[in-house]
Amino acid sequence: MIDFKGVHYPRAVILYAVFFYLRYAVSYRDLEEIRAERGVEVDHATLNRWVVKFAPLIASRAQERKRPTATSWRMDETYIKVKGQWTYLYRAVDRNGQTIDFMLSERRNLAAARRFLKQAISTNGVPDRVVIDKSGANLAGLQAVNVSLKFTGSGRVVEVRQIKYLNNILEQDHRFIKRITAPMMGFKGFHSATATLAGIETAHMIRKGQFGANGHTAFQQFAALAA
């Protein structure tokens, strides 16, 4: 269970505020006003601290508890502004659009692509194939991972396919993330961006049914990840 000791609000109040911010396109000041209208006085700075503290913890549990995904992946990156500079959110979904993994990087290069792939494989296992666009860095990253798998694993390697139209499902999936981040007007720091995006991805996974609703609302599923 995630530890809520030291906070001055009930656990349910904190989780509801964090989930609402991650799931809907609102700013912290919007959320401050919404909570005040419901009788909960909490300033936007406190809301920010809650999101940065609890969102990555819940996201980590989400990776552990999500349903198994398919072994055919689509990998790409999208742009996120941090401190006025563009950074790169690496993302992968399976052939059905279910989220595999994600990683924010300050650079888009071989090292970043390889790091993301190793992270995704460590959590989800080795895929049969990965579809990418014409990115040379992503291709080189996959080739580097295959070399590692060949000599340190079972000898099995990942089939690489560079077919842009097959990545349309991922391009569509990027749009949800960008729609939620748009009102944020860019992030002030890399750490807060990483934490917040992890929470947004988790809320998106709930929306896509990756945990099994069992009659529970989206918020109830989110709260269950903190239990």
Foldseek 3Di string as FASTA:
>chain_A
DADPPPDDDDPLVLLVLLLCLLQDQDALQRSQVVVVVVPDHDHSVVNLVSLLPCQVLLLVLCLVQFDAAALEKEWDWDWAFEQNDTWIKIFMHHLVLAGQDIDIGRDQAQVVLLVRVVVSCVSRNHGQEYEYAPDPSNVNSQVVVQVCCCPPHPNDGHHYHHDVVSNVSVVVVVVSLCSNCVSVVGHHHPSSVRSSSSNSSSLVNLVVCRRPCVVPDSSVVSVVSND
